[in-house]
Amino acid sequence: MSNQKSEHQRKVAEGPIRNKERTKQKMIDAVGEVLKEKSYAGLTMNNIVKKANVDRKLVVHYFGNLNNLIEEYLNSRDYWMTKVAPKVREIAATSEKNLGEKEIVQILHTLYDAVDGSADLQKMILWQISEYNENLSALLENREKLGEPLFKATDVDFKNTDIDLRAILAVQIAGIYYLNLQSKSNNVAFCEVNLGTEEGTRRIKDAVAKMIQLVYQQRK
């Protein structure tokens, strides 16, 4: 009898906890839906609570304010840190002494796939380049910190050369961002490369790999 009572108490206690987590997740998901439908300008309290179908008082109750809710969404959907970063660390960890040509290409291809496959990440990139936001700025700083040890691992290959690998990768990563955003916004070719097809993706990835190959050949 005591075991049945204990089980009943546990279920009663878990009910509100689960409901709270479900409600919080509904609100977090609603931020993403509003961002997709109305862009960052549409991230208002009214739009989010309407999409989540919850009382606006719950935003304050669970998150404190709208800004904290948006921050929670950004942290949970930051594909750079949640999806790309672990793969980057794995690639770096498998390299014997330093990060080389093969590993850099793997990282760039991983990034391309992440942006290509995530509407959330695409919207976040657009938001980042369109206006200043404190939460987005913090995410960008975290990404920069991720790159610091990786760049140090490549320095040995370019010591005493005039090759600025950081600047080269900045141009390539910016290109990856833009090409993916352009292909999703407009169904047209870019420089006669159809980015909406598997062949177009392969051509871009091949070009990324070729550019890195040429950089490493130039240092010799």
N, C-alpha and C. Protein backbone atom coordinates (compact mmCIF):
# COMPACT_ATOMS: atom_id res chain seq x y z
N MET A 1 0.83 -1.22 0.00
CA MET A 1 0.00 0.00 0.00
C MET A 1 0.87 1.26 0.00
N SER A 2 1.93 1.23 0.79
CA SER A 2 2.83 2.39 0.85
C SER A 2 3.53 2.62 -0.47
N ASN A 3 3.86 1.52 -1.18
CA ASN A 3 4.51 1.65 -2.49
C ASN A 3 3.57 2.31 -3.49
N GLN A 4 2.28 1.93 -3.45
CA GLN A 4 1.30 2.53 -4.35
C GLN A 4 1.14 4.02 -4.07
N LYS A 5 1.13 4.36 -2.78
CA LYS A 5 1.01 5.77 -2.39
C LYS A 5 2.21 6.57 -2.86
N SER A 6 3.41 5.99 -2.71
CA SER A 6 4.64 6.67 -3.14
C SER A 6 4.64 6.89 -4.65
N GLU A 7 4.17 5.88 -5.39
CA GLU A 7 4.11 6.00 -6.85
C GLU A 7 3.13 7.09 -7.26
N HIS A 8 2.00 7.15 -6.57
CA HIS A 8 1.00 8.18 -6.86
C HIS A 8 1.55 9.58 -6.60
N GLN A 9 2.26 9.74 -5.49
CA GLN A 9 2.86 11.04 -5.15
C GLN A 9 3.88 11.47 -6.18
N ARG A 10 4.66 10.50 -6.65
CA ARG A 10 5.69 10.82 -7.65
C ARG A 10 5.04 11.30 -8.93
N LYS A 11 3.98 10.61 -9.37
CA LYS A 11 3.30 11.00 -10.60
C LYS A 11 2.66 12.38 -10.46
N VAL A 12 2.08 12.64 -9.29
CA VAL A 12 1.46 13.95 -9.05
C VAL A 12 2.51 15.05 -9.11
N ALA A 13 3.68 14.79 -8.54
CA ALA A 13 4.76 15.78 -8.53
C ALA A 13 5.33 15.99 -9.92
N GLU A 14 5.42 14.89 -10.70
CA GLU A 14 6.00 15.00 -12.04
C GLU A 14 5.08 15.72 -13.01
N GLY A 15 3.75 15.63 -12.76
CA GLY A 15 2.80 16.24 -13.68
C GLY A 15 3.06 17.72 -13.93
N PRO A 16 3.09 18.55 -12.89
CA PRO A 16 3.35 19.98 -13.09
C PRO A 16 4.72 20.27 -13.70
N ILE A 17 5.72 19.46 -13.33
CA ILE A 17 7.07 19.66 -13.87
C ILE A 17 7.08 19.42 -15.38
N ARG A 18 6.44 18.32 -15.78
CA ARG A 18 6.39 18.01 -17.21
C ARG A 18 5.59 19.05 -17.97
N ASN A 19 4.47 19.48 -17.37
CA ASN A 19 3.66 20.51 -18.02
C ASN A 19 4.44 21.81 -18.17
N LYS A 20 5.22 22.15 -17.15
CA LYS A 20 6.03 23.36 -17.20
C LYS A 20 7.05 23.27 -18.32
N GLU A 21 7.73 22.13 -18.43
CA GLU A 21 8.75 21.97 -19.46
C GLU A 21 8.13 21.97 -20.85
N ARG A 22 6.95 21.35 -20.98
CA ARG A 22 6.28 21.36 -22.28
C ARG A 22 5.88 22.77 -22.69
N THR A 23 5.37 23.52 -21.71
CA THR A 23 4.96 24.90 -21.99
C THR A 23 6.16 25.76 -22.36
N LYS A 24 7.25 25.61 -21.63
CA LYS A 24 8.46 26.36 -21.94
C LYS A 24 8.95 26.02 -23.34
N GLN A 25 8.92 24.74 -23.68
CA GLN A 25 9.38 24.33 -25.00
C GLN A 25 8.48 24.87 -26.10
N LYS A 26 7.17 24.94 -25.83
CA LYS A 26 6.24 25.53 -26.79
C LYS A 26 6.61 26.97 -27.09
N MET A 27 6.98 27.71 -26.06
CA MET A 27 7.33 29.11 -26.23
C MET A 27 8.66 29.26 -26.98
N ILE A 28 9.61 28.39 -26.65
CA ILE A 28 10.91 28.42 -27.35
C ILE A 28 10.71 28.09 -28.82
N ASP A 29 9.91 27.06 -29.10
CA ASP A 29 9.63 26.68 -30.49
C ASP A 29 8.89 27.80 -31.22
N ALA A 30 8.03 28.50 -30.50
CA ALA A 30 7.26 29.59 -31.10
C ALA A 30 8.18 30.71 -31.58
N VAL A 31 9.25 30.96 -30.84
CA VAL A 31 10.22 31.98 -31.26
C VAL A 31 10.78 31.61 -32.64
N GLY A 32 11.14 30.34 -32.82
CA GLY A 32 11.67 29.90 -34.11
C GLY A 32 10.66 30.02 -35.22
N GLU A 33 9.40 29.68 -34.94
CA GLU A 33 8.36 29.77 -35.96
C GLU A 33 8.12 31.22 -36.38
N VAL A 34 8.08 32.11 -35.39
CA VAL A 34 7.88 33.53 -35.71
C VAL A 34 9.07 34.06 -36.49
N LEU A 35 10.26 33.64 -36.11
CA LEU A 35 11.47 34.09 -36.81
C LEU A 35 11.43 33.68 -38.28
N LYS A 36 10.98 32.45 -38.54
CA LYS A 36 10.88 31.97 -39.92
C LYS A 36 9.82 32.72 -40.72
N GLU A 37 8.69 32.96 -40.07
CA GLU A 37 7.56 33.56 -40.78
C GLU A 37 7.66 35.08 -40.93
N LYS A 38 8.15 35.75 -39.87
CA LYS A 38 8.13 37.21 -39.86
C LYS A 38 9.50 37.85 -39.73
N SER A 39 10.55 37.03 -39.73
CA SER A 39 11.92 37.49 -39.55
C SER A 39 12.09 38.09 -38.15
N TYR A 40 13.30 38.61 -37.88
CA TYR A 40 13.61 39.08 -36.52
C TYR A 40 12.77 40.27 -36.08
N ALA A 41 12.29 41.06 -37.06
CA ALA A 41 11.45 42.21 -36.72
C ALA A 41 10.12 41.77 -36.11
N GLY A 42 9.73 40.54 -36.35
CA GLY A 42 8.45 40.05 -35.85
C GLY A 42 8.52 39.39 -34.50
N LEU A 43 9.70 39.39 -33.86
CA LEU A 43 9.86 38.74 -32.56
C LEU A 43 9.33 39.63 -31.44
N THR A 44 8.03 39.80 -31.43
CA THR A 44 7.36 40.59 -30.40
C THR A 44 6.65 39.66 -29.43
N MET A 45 6.33 40.18 -28.27
CA MET A 45 5.63 39.39 -27.27
C MET A 45 4.30 38.88 -27.82
N ASN A 46 3.53 39.75 -28.48
CA ASN A 46 2.22 39.35 -29.00
C ASN A 46 2.34 38.23 -30.01
N ASN A 47 3.28 38.34 -30.95
CA ASN A 47 3.44 37.32 -31.98
C ASN A 47 3.84 35.97 -31.39
N ILE A 48 4.72 36.00 -30.41
CA ILE A 48 5.24 34.75 -29.84
C ILE A 48 4.18 34.04 -29.00
N VAL A 49 3.49 34.78 -28.13
CA VAL A 49 2.48 34.13 -27.28
C VAL A 49 1.29 33.65 -28.12
N LYS A 50 0.99 34.37 -29.20
CA LYS A 50 -0.09 33.94 -30.09
C LYS A 50 0.31 32.65 -30.79
N LYS A 51 1.53 32.57 -31.25
CA LYS A 51 2.00 31.36 -31.92
C LYS A 51 2.05 30.18 -30.94
N ALA A 52 2.48 30.44 -29.72
CA ALA A 52 2.58 29.37 -28.71
C ALA A 52 1.23 29.05 -28.09
N ASN A 53 0.27 29.96 -28.27
CA ASN A 53 -1.06 29.81 -27.68
C ASN A 53 -0.98 29.71 -26.16
N VAL A 54 -0.26 30.66 -25.57
CA VAL A 54 -0.11 30.72 -24.11
C VAL A 54 -0.39 32.14 -23.63
N ASP A 55 -0.61 32.27 -22.34
CA ASP A 55 -0.79 33.58 -21.73
C ASP A 55 0.56 34.29 -21.65
N ARG A 56 0.59 35.57 -21.99
CA ARG A 56 1.84 36.32 -21.98
C ARG A 56 2.48 36.36 -20.59
N LYS A 57 1.66 36.19 -19.54
CA LYS A 57 2.19 36.19 -18.18
C LYS A 57 3.17 35.02 -17.97
N LEU A 58 2.99 33.93 -18.74
CA LEU A 58 3.87 32.77 -18.59
C LEU A 58 5.28 33.06 -19.07
N VAL A 59 5.42 33.98 -20.03
CA VAL A 59 6.76 34.36 -20.50
C VAL A 59 7.54 34.97 -19.34
N VAL A 60 6.89 35.86 -18.62
CA VAL A 60 7.52 36.49 -17.46
C VAL A 60 7.74 35.47 -16.35
N HIS A 61 6.77 34.60 -16.15
CA HIS A 61 6.85 33.62 -15.07
C HIS A 61 7.99 32.64 -15.28
N TYR A 62 8.16 32.15 -16.51
CA TYR A 62 9.16 31.13 -16.78
C TYR A 62 10.52 31.67 -17.22
N PHE A 63 10.52 32.84 -17.87
CA PHE A 63 11.78 33.35 -18.44
C PHE A 63 12.20 34.72 -17.88
N GLY A 64 11.31 35.39 -17.20
CA GLY A 64 11.64 36.71 -16.67
C GLY A 64 11.23 37.83 -17.59
N ASN A 65 11.57 37.70 -18.87
CA ASN A 65 11.18 38.69 -19.87
C ASN A 65 11.35 38.10 -21.26
N LEU A 66 10.91 38.86 -22.25
CA LEU A 66 10.96 38.39 -23.64
C LEU A 66 12.39 38.17 -24.10
N ASN A 67 13.30 39.05 -23.71
CA ASN A 67 14.69 38.94 -24.13
C ASN A 67 15.31 37.62 -23.66
N ASN A 68 14.98 37.22 -22.43
CA ASN A 68 15.51 35.95 -21.91
C ASN A 68 14.95 34.75 -22.68
N LEU A 69 13.71 34.84 -23.09
CA LEU A 69 13.11 33.77 -23.89
C LEU A 69 13.82 33.64 -25.23
N ILE A 70 14.08 34.79 -25.86
CA ILE A 70 14.78 34.77 -27.14
C ILE A 70 16.20 34.23 -26.97
N GLU A 71 16.85 34.61 -25.87
CA GLU A 71 18.19 34.10 -25.59
C GLU A 71 18.17 32.58 -25.43
N GLU A 72 17.15 32.07 -24.76
CA GLU A 72 17.02 30.61 -24.58
C GLU A 72 16.87 29.92 -25.93
N TYR A 73 16.08 30.52 -26.81
CA TYR A 73 15.92 29.98 -28.16
C TYR A 73 17.25 29.96 -28.90
N LEU A 74 17.97 31.08 -28.88
CA LEU A 74 19.22 31.19 -29.60
C LEU A 74 20.24 30.16 -29.12
N ASN A 75 20.32 29.98 -27.80
CA ASN A 75 21.27 29.01 -27.25
C ASN A 75 20.92 27.58 -27.65
N SER A 76 19.62 27.29 -27.69
CA SER A 76 19.20 25.93 -28.01
C SER A 76 19.29 25.65 -29.51
N ARG A 77 19.25 26.71 -30.32
CA ARG A 77 19.26 26.52 -31.78
C ARG A 77 20.57 26.96 -32.43
N ASP A 78 21.57 27.26 -31.62
CA ASP A 78 22.84 27.70 -32.20
C ASP A 78 23.55 26.48 -32.77
N TYR A 79 23.28 26.19 -34.03
CA TYR A 79 23.80 24.98 -34.66
C TYR A 79 25.32 24.99 -34.75
N TRP A 80 25.90 26.19 -34.74
CA TRP A 80 27.37 26.27 -34.76
C TRP A 80 27.95 25.56 -33.55
N MET A 81 27.38 25.89 -32.38
CA MET A 81 27.94 25.34 -31.14
C MET A 81 27.40 23.96 -30.81
N THR A 82 26.12 23.68 -31.17
CA THR A 82 25.54 22.39 -30.81
C THR A 82 25.81 21.30 -31.82
N LYS A 83 25.97 21.65 -33.09
CA LYS A 83 26.17 20.64 -34.13
C LYS A 83 27.54 20.73 -34.80
N VAL A 84 27.93 21.94 -35.18
CA VAL A 84 29.19 22.10 -35.89
C VAL A 84 30.38 21.96 -34.95
N ALA A 85 30.33 22.63 -33.80
CA ALA A 85 31.46 22.63 -32.87
C ALA A 85 31.91 21.23 -32.46
N PRO A 86 30.98 20.33 -32.06
CA PRO A 86 31.44 18.98 -31.70
C PRO A 86 32.16 18.27 -32.83
N LYS A 87 31.69 18.45 -34.06
CA LYS A 87 32.34 17.81 -35.20
C LYS A 87 33.71 18.44 -35.45
N VAL A 88 33.79 19.75 -35.27
CA VAL A 88 35.07 20.43 -35.45
C VAL A 88 36.08 19.91 -34.43
N ARG A 89 35.63 19.79 -33.18
CA ARG A 89 36.53 19.28 -32.14
C ARG A 89 36.96 17.85 -32.43
N GLU A 90 36.03 17.06 -32.95
CA GLU A 90 36.34 15.67 -33.28
C GLU A 90 37.37 15.59 -34.39
N ILE A 91 37.20 16.42 -35.41
CA ILE A 91 38.15 16.45 -36.52
C ILE A 91 39.53 16.88 -36.04
N ALA A 92 39.54 17.92 -35.21
CA ALA A 92 40.81 18.42 -34.68
C ALA A 92 41.50 17.38 -33.81
N ALA A 93 40.70 16.64 -33.04
CA ALA A 93 41.27 15.65 -32.12
C ALA A 93 41.90 14.47 -32.86
N THR A 94 41.40 14.19 -34.06
CA THR A 94 41.92 13.05 -34.80
C THR A 94 43.20 13.38 -35.57
N SER A 95 43.51 14.67 -35.71
CA SER A 95 44.76 15.03 -36.39
C SER A 95 45.93 14.77 -35.45
N GLU A 96 46.99 14.20 -35.98
CA GLU A 96 48.10 13.74 -35.15
C GLU A 96 48.84 14.87 -34.45
N LYS A 97 49.32 15.84 -35.20
CA LYS A 97 50.14 16.91 -34.61
C LYS A 97 49.54 18.28 -34.81
N ASN A 98 49.05 18.54 -35.99
CA ASN A 98 48.48 19.84 -36.27
C ASN A 98 47.32 19.71 -37.25
N LEU A 99 46.55 20.77 -37.34
CA LEU A 99 45.42 20.81 -38.26
C LEU A 99 45.96 21.04 -39.67
N GLY A 100 45.66 20.13 -40.59
CA GLY A 100 46.20 20.23 -41.94
C GLY A 100 45.12 20.48 -42.98
N GLU A 101 45.51 20.34 -44.22
CA GLU A 101 44.63 20.62 -45.36
C GLU A 101 43.35 19.79 -45.30
N LYS A 102 43.48 18.50 -45.06
CA LYS A 102 42.33 17.61 -45.04
C LYS A 102 41.33 18.01 -43.97
N GLU A 103 41.84 18.31 -42.78
CA GLU A 103 40.96 18.65 -41.67
C GLU A 103 40.23 19.97 -41.90
N ILE A 104 40.92 20.94 -42.49
CA ILE A 104 40.28 22.23 -42.77
C ILE A 104 39.14 22.06 -43.76
N VAL A 105 39.36 21.25 -44.79
CA VAL A 105 38.30 20.99 -45.78
C VAL A 105 37.11 20.30 -45.11
N GLN A 106 37.38 19.35 -44.23
CA GLN A 106 36.31 18.67 -43.51
C GLN A 106 35.47 19.66 -42.70
N ILE A 107 36.15 20.58 -42.03
CA ILE A 107 35.46 21.57 -41.21
C ILE A 107 34.59 22.48 -42.08
N LEU A 108 35.12 22.94 -43.20
CA LEU A 108 34.35 23.81 -44.09
C LEU A 108 33.16 23.08 -44.70
N HIS A 109 33.35 21.83 -45.07
CA HIS A 109 32.24 21.05 -45.61
C HIS A 109 31.17 20.80 -44.55
N THR A 110 31.60 20.57 -43.31
CA THR A 110 30.66 20.39 -42.20
C THR A 110 29.83 21.65 -42.00
N LEU A 111 30.49 22.79 -42.06
CA LEU A 111 29.79 24.06 -41.91
C LEU A 111 28.79 24.26 -43.04
N TYR A 112 29.21 23.95 -44.27
CA TYR A 112 28.31 24.10 -45.42
C TYR A 112 27.04 23.28 -45.22
N ASP A 113 27.21 22.03 -44.82
CA ASP A 113 26.05 21.15 -44.61
C ASP A 113 25.15 21.66 -43.49
N ALA A 114 25.75 22.20 -42.44
CA ALA A 114 24.97 22.70 -41.31
C ALA A 114 24.10 23.88 -41.72
N VAL A 115 24.67 24.82 -42.46
CA VAL A 115 23.90 25.99 -42.91
C VAL A 115 22.85 25.57 -43.93
N ASP A 116 23.24 24.70 -44.84
CA ASP A 116 22.33 24.24 -45.89
C ASP A 116 21.11 23.53 -45.32
N GLY A 117 21.30 22.80 -44.22
CA GLY A 117 20.22 21.98 -43.69
C GLY A 117 19.43 22.59 -42.55
N SER A 118 19.72 23.83 -42.18
CA SER A 118 19.04 24.42 -41.02
C SER A 118 18.43 25.78 -41.35
N ALA A 119 17.11 25.80 -41.44
CA ALA A 119 16.42 27.08 -41.66
C ALA A 119 16.63 28.01 -40.47
N ASP A 120 16.72 27.42 -39.27
CA ASP A 120 16.96 28.23 -38.07
C ASP A 120 18.29 28.97 -38.17
N LEU A 121 19.33 28.25 -38.55
CA LEU A 121 20.65 28.85 -38.64
C LEU A 121 20.69 29.91 -39.73
N GLN A 122 20.01 29.67 -40.83
CA GLN A 122 19.96 30.65 -41.91
C GLN A 122 19.34 31.96 -41.43
N LYS A 123 18.24 31.85 -40.68
CA LYS A 123 17.58 33.05 -40.16
C LYS A 123 18.47 33.76 -39.14
N MET A 124 19.19 32.98 -38.34
CA MET A 124 20.07 33.59 -37.35
C MET A 124 21.21 34.35 -38.03
N ILE A 125 21.74 33.80 -39.12
CA ILE A 125 22.81 34.48 -39.85
C ILE A 125 22.29 35.80 -40.43
N LEU A 126 21.10 35.76 -41.02
CA LEU A 126 20.50 36.98 -41.55
C LEU A 126 20.31 38.03 -40.45
N TRP A 127 19.89 37.58 -39.30
CA TRP A 127 19.69 38.47 -38.17
C TRP A 127 21.01 39.08 -37.72
N GLN A 128 22.04 38.25 -37.67
CA GLN A 128 23.35 38.72 -37.22
C GLN A 128 23.92 39.83 -38.09
N ILE A 129 23.68 39.73 -39.39
CA ILE A 129 24.27 40.71 -40.30
C ILE A 129 23.35 41.91 -40.54
N SER A 130 22.13 41.84 -39.99
CA SER A 130 21.16 42.91 -40.23
C SER A 130 21.08 43.93 -39.12
N GLU A 131 21.31 43.50 -37.89
CA GLU A 131 21.22 44.44 -36.78
C GLU A 131 21.99 43.91 -35.59
N TYR A 132 22.34 44.83 -34.69
CA TYR A 132 23.06 44.42 -33.49
C TYR A 132 22.08 43.84 -32.47
N ASN A 133 22.46 42.72 -31.88
CA ASN A 133 21.69 42.13 -30.79
C ASN A 133 22.67 41.57 -29.78
N GLU A 134 22.47 41.91 -28.53
CA GLU A 134 23.42 41.51 -27.49
C GLU A 134 23.58 40.00 -27.39
N ASN A 135 22.47 39.28 -27.49
CA ASN A 135 22.52 37.83 -27.39
C ASN A 135 23.26 37.21 -28.58
N LEU A 136 22.97 37.73 -29.77
CA LEU A 136 23.66 37.22 -30.95
C LEU A 136 25.15 37.54 -30.89
N SER A 137 25.47 38.70 -30.38
CA SER A 137 26.88 39.08 -30.25
C SER A 137 27.63 38.11 -29.34
N ALA A 138 26.97 37.69 -28.27
CA ALA A 138 27.59 36.73 -27.35
C ALA A 138 27.84 35.39 -28.04
N LEU A 139 26.90 34.97 -28.88
CA LEU A 139 27.07 33.73 -29.62
C LEU A 139 28.26 33.81 -30.58
N LEU A 140 28.38 34.96 -31.23
CA LEU A 140 29.49 35.15 -32.16
C LEU A 140 30.83 35.11 -31.43
N GLU A 141 30.87 35.67 -30.25
CA GLU A 141 32.11 35.63 -29.46
C GLU A 141 32.47 34.20 -29.09
N ASN A 142 31.47 33.39 -28.76
CA ASN A 142 31.73 31.98 -28.45
C ASN A 142 32.28 31.23 -29.64
N ARG A 143 31.77 31.56 -30.83
CA ARG A 143 32.27 30.91 -32.04
C ARG A 143 33.73 31.30 -32.30
N GLU A 144 34.03 32.55 -32.04
CA GLU A 144 35.41 33.00 -32.22
C GLU A 144 36.35 32.26 -31.28
N LYS A 145 35.88 32.04 -30.04
CA LYS A 145 36.71 31.31 -29.08
C LYS A 145 36.95 29.88 -29.54
N LEU A 146 35.94 29.29 -30.19
CA LEU A 146 36.09 27.94 -30.73
C LEU A 146 37.21 27.89 -31.76
N GLY A 147 37.35 28.97 -32.54
CA GLY A 147 38.34 28.97 -33.61
C GLY A 147 39.77 29.21 -33.16
N GLU A 148 39.95 29.78 -31.97
CA GLU A 148 41.29 30.14 -31.52
C GLU A 148 42.26 28.97 -31.49
N PRO A 149 41.95 27.84 -30.83
CA PRO A 149 42.89 26.72 -30.82
C PRO A 149 43.08 26.08 -32.18
N LEU A 150 42.04 26.17 -33.03
CA LEU A 150 42.15 25.59 -34.36
C LEU A 150 43.14 26.39 -35.21
N PHE A 151 43.06 27.70 -35.12
CA PHE A 151 44.01 28.53 -35.88
C PHE A 151 45.44 28.32 -35.39
N LYS A 152 45.60 28.21 -34.08
CA LYS A 152 46.94 27.97 -33.54
C LYS A 152 47.51 26.67 -34.06
N ALA A 153 46.63 25.68 -34.28
CA ALA A 153 47.09 24.39 -34.78
C ALA A 153 47.54 24.46 -36.24
N THR A 154 47.11 25.50 -36.97
CA THR A 154 47.54 25.64 -38.37
C THR A 154 48.77 26.52 -38.52
N ASP A 155 49.13 27.24 -37.46
CA ASP A 155 50.21 28.21 -37.57
C ASP A 155 51.54 27.58 -37.98
N VAL A 156 51.77 26.36 -37.55
CA VAL A 156 53.05 25.72 -37.85
C VAL A 156 53.24 25.54 -39.36
N ASP A 157 52.15 25.35 -40.09
CA ASP A 157 52.24 25.14 -41.54
C ASP A 157 52.52 26.44 -42.31
N PHE A 158 52.22 27.58 -41.71
CA PHE A 158 52.34 28.84 -42.44
C PHE A 158 53.33 29.81 -41.78
N LYS A 159 54.13 29.28 -40.87
CA LYS A 159 55.15 30.09 -40.24
C LYS A 159 56.16 30.54 -41.29
N ASN A 160 56.53 31.82 -41.22
CA ASN A 160 57.51 32.40 -42.16
C ASN A 160 57.00 32.42 -43.60
N THR A 161 55.67 32.46 -43.78
CA THR A 161 55.10 32.65 -45.11
C THR A 161 54.25 33.92 -45.08
N ASP A 162 53.83 34.38 -46.26
CA ASP A 162 52.97 35.58 -46.31
C ASP A 162 51.51 35.19 -46.47
N ILE A 163 51.19 33.93 -46.20
CA ILE A 163 49.81 33.45 -46.33
C ILE A 163 49.04 33.71 -45.04
N ASP A 164 47.95 34.45 -45.16
CA ASP A 164 47.09 34.77 -44.02
C ASP A 164 45.90 33.82 -44.05
N LEU A 165 46.06 32.65 -43.42
CA LEU A 165 45.02 31.63 -43.48
C LEU A 165 43.73 32.12 -42.82
N ARG A 166 43.83 32.91 -41.77
CA ARG A 166 42.64 33.40 -41.09
C ARG A 166 41.78 34.24 -42.04
N ALA A 167 42.41 35.13 -42.79
CA ALA A 167 41.67 35.97 -43.73
C ALA A 167 41.09 35.14 -44.88
N ILE A 168 41.85 34.15 -45.32
CA ILE A 168 41.38 33.28 -46.40
C ILE A 168 40.14 32.51 -45.97
N LEU A 169 40.18 31.97 -44.75
CA LEU A 169 39.03 31.24 -44.24
C LEU A 169 37.85 32.16 -43.97
N ALA A 170 38.13 33.39 -43.57
CA ALA A 170 37.04 34.35 -43.36
C ALA A 170 36.27 34.56 -44.66
N VAL A 171 36.99 34.69 -45.76
CA VAL A 171 36.34 34.87 -47.06
C VAL A 171 35.56 33.61 -47.45
N GLN A 172 36.14 32.44 -47.20
CA GLN A 172 35.45 31.20 -47.56
C GLN A 172 34.18 30.98 -46.72
N ILE A 173 34.29 31.21 -45.42
CA ILE A 173 33.12 31.01 -44.55
C ILE A 173 32.02 32.01 -44.90
N ALA A 174 32.40 33.25 -45.17
CA ALA A 174 31.41 34.25 -45.58
C ALA A 174 30.74 33.81 -46.89
N GLY A 175 31.53 33.23 -47.79
CA GLY A 175 30.98 32.73 -49.05
C GLY A 175 30.00 31.59 -48.82
N ILE A 176 30.34 30.69 -47.90
CA ILE A 176 29.44 29.59 -47.57
C ILE A 176 28.12 30.12 -47.03
N TYR A 177 28.21 31.10 -46.15
CA TYR A 177 26.99 31.71 -45.60
C TYR A 177 26.15 32.32 -46.73
N TYR A 178 26.77 33.15 -47.53
CA TYR A 178 26.02 33.88 -48.55
C TYR A 178 25.41 32.95 -49.58
N LEU A 179 26.18 31.98 -50.07
CA LEU A 179 25.67 31.09 -51.11
C LEU A 179 24.47 30.29 -50.63
N ASN A 180 24.52 29.85 -49.38
CA ASN A 180 23.38 29.11 -48.83
C ASN A 180 22.17 30.01 -48.67
N LEU A 181 22.37 31.22 -48.18
CA LEU A 181 21.26 32.14 -48.00
C LEU A 181 20.66 32.53 -49.35
N GLN A 182 21.51 32.76 -50.32
CA GLN A 182 21.05 33.14 -51.64
C GLN A 182 20.25 32.02 -52.30
N SER A 183 20.71 30.79 -52.16
CA SER A 183 20.04 29.67 -52.80
C SER A 183 18.68 29.40 -52.18
N LYS A 184 18.54 29.70 -50.87
CA LYS A 184 17.25 29.47 -50.21
C LYS A 184 16.27 30.60 -50.48
N SER A 185 16.77 31.80 -50.72
CA SER A 185 15.90 32.95 -50.94
C SER A 185 15.46 33.07 -52.40
N ASN A 186 16.35 32.71 -53.31
CA ASN A 186 16.05 32.89 -54.73
C ASN A 186 16.44 31.62 -55.49
N ASN A 187 15.49 31.07 -56.20
CA ASN A 187 15.75 29.84 -56.94
C ASN A 187 16.38 30.13 -58.29
N VAL A 188 17.56 30.76 -58.23
CA VAL A 188 18.29 31.07 -59.46
C VAL A 188 19.75 30.66 -59.28
N ALA A 189 20.42 30.45 -60.40
CA ALA A 189 21.84 30.06 -60.34
C ALA A 189 22.69 31.25 -59.90
N PHE A 190 23.84 30.95 -59.36
CA PHE A 190 24.80 31.98 -58.96
C PHE A 190 26.11 31.67 -59.68
N CYS A 191 26.54 32.61 -60.56
CA CYS A 191 27.71 32.35 -61.42
C CYS A 191 27.52 31.06 -62.19
N GLU A 192 26.29 30.83 -62.66
CA GLU A 192 25.91 29.67 -63.45
C GLU A 192 26.07 28.34 -62.70
N VAL A 193 26.05 28.42 -61.37
CA VAL A 193 26.04 27.21 -60.54
C VAL A 193 24.66 27.13 -59.88
N ASN A 194 23.93 26.07 -60.16
CA ASN A 194 22.60 25.91 -59.58
C ASN A 194 22.75 25.35 -58.17
N LEU A 195 22.65 26.22 -57.18
CA LEU A 195 22.91 25.83 -55.80
C LEU A 195 21.81 24.99 -55.20
N GLY A 196 20.67 24.91 -55.87
CA GLY A 196 19.56 24.12 -55.35
C GLY A 196 19.61 22.67 -55.76
N THR A 197 20.69 22.24 -56.40
CA THR A 197 20.81 20.86 -56.85
C THR A 197 22.00 20.18 -56.17
N GLU A 198 22.00 18.84 -56.20
CA GLU A 198 23.12 18.09 -55.63
C GLU A 198 24.40 18.39 -56.40
N GLU A 199 24.29 18.55 -57.71
CA GLU A 199 25.47 18.87 -58.52
C GLU A 199 26.04 20.22 -58.13
N GLY A 200 25.16 21.19 -57.89
CA GLY A 200 25.62 22.51 -57.49
C GLY A 200 26.34 22.47 -56.16
N THR A 201 25.80 21.73 -55.21
CA THR A 201 26.45 21.57 -53.91
C THR A 201 27.81 20.92 -54.07
N ARG A 202 27.88 19.88 -54.91
CA ARG A 202 29.15 19.19 -55.12
C ARG A 202 30.18 20.14 -55.72
N ARG A 203 29.76 20.97 -56.67
CA ARG A 203 30.70 21.90 -57.31
C ARG A 203 31.26 22.91 -56.32
N ILE A 204 30.38 23.42 -55.44
CA ILE A 204 30.84 24.38 -54.44
C ILE A 204 31.81 23.71 -53.47
N LYS A 205 31.47 22.52 -53.01
CA LYS A 205 32.35 21.81 -52.08
C LYS A 205 33.69 21.47 -52.73
N ASP A 206 33.64 21.09 -53.99
CA ASP A 206 34.90 20.82 -54.72
C ASP A 206 35.74 22.08 -54.83
N ALA A 207 35.09 23.21 -55.05
CA ALA A 207 35.81 24.48 -55.16
C ALA A 207 36.44 24.86 -53.83
N VAL A 208 35.72 24.65 -52.73
CA VAL A 208 36.26 24.92 -51.40
C VAL A 208 37.52 24.09 -51.16
N ALA A 209 37.44 22.81 -51.50
CA ALA A 209 38.58 21.92 -51.30
C ALA A 209 39.75 22.33 -52.18
N LYS A 210 39.45 22.74 -53.42
CA LYS A 210 40.51 23.13 -54.35
C LYS A 210 41.23 24.39 -53.87
N MET A 211 40.48 25.34 -53.34
CA MET A 211 41.09 26.57 -52.85
C MET A 211 42.04 26.30 -51.69
N ILE A 212 41.63 25.43 -50.78
CA ILE A 212 42.50 25.08 -49.66
C ILE A 212 43.73 24.34 -50.15
N GLN A 213 43.53 23.48 -51.14
CA GLN A 213 44.67 22.76 -51.74
C GLN A 213 45.69 23.74 -52.33
N LEU A 214 45.19 24.74 -53.04
CA LEU A 214 46.07 25.73 -53.66
C LEU A 214 46.81 26.54 -52.60
N VAL A 215 46.11 26.84 -51.49
CA VAL A 215 46.76 27.58 -50.40
C VAL A 215 47.93 26.79 -49.85
N TYR A 216 47.74 25.50 -49.64
CA TYR A 216 48.81 24.66 -49.09
C TYR A 216 49.94 24.46 -50.10
N GLN A 217 49.60 24.43 -51.36
CA GLN A 217 50.64 24.30 -52.40
C GLN A 217 51.46 25.57 -52.48
N GLN A 218 50.84 26.72 -52.27
CA GLN A 218 51.51 28.00 -52.38
C GLN A 218 52.55 28.20 -51.29
N ARG A 219 52.37 27.56 -50.15
CA ARG A 219 53.30 27.77 -49.02
C ARG A 219 54.63 27.08 -49.25
N LYS A 220 54.68 26.14 -50.19
CA LYS A 220 55.90 25.35 -50.40
C LYS A 220 56.91 26.12 -51.22
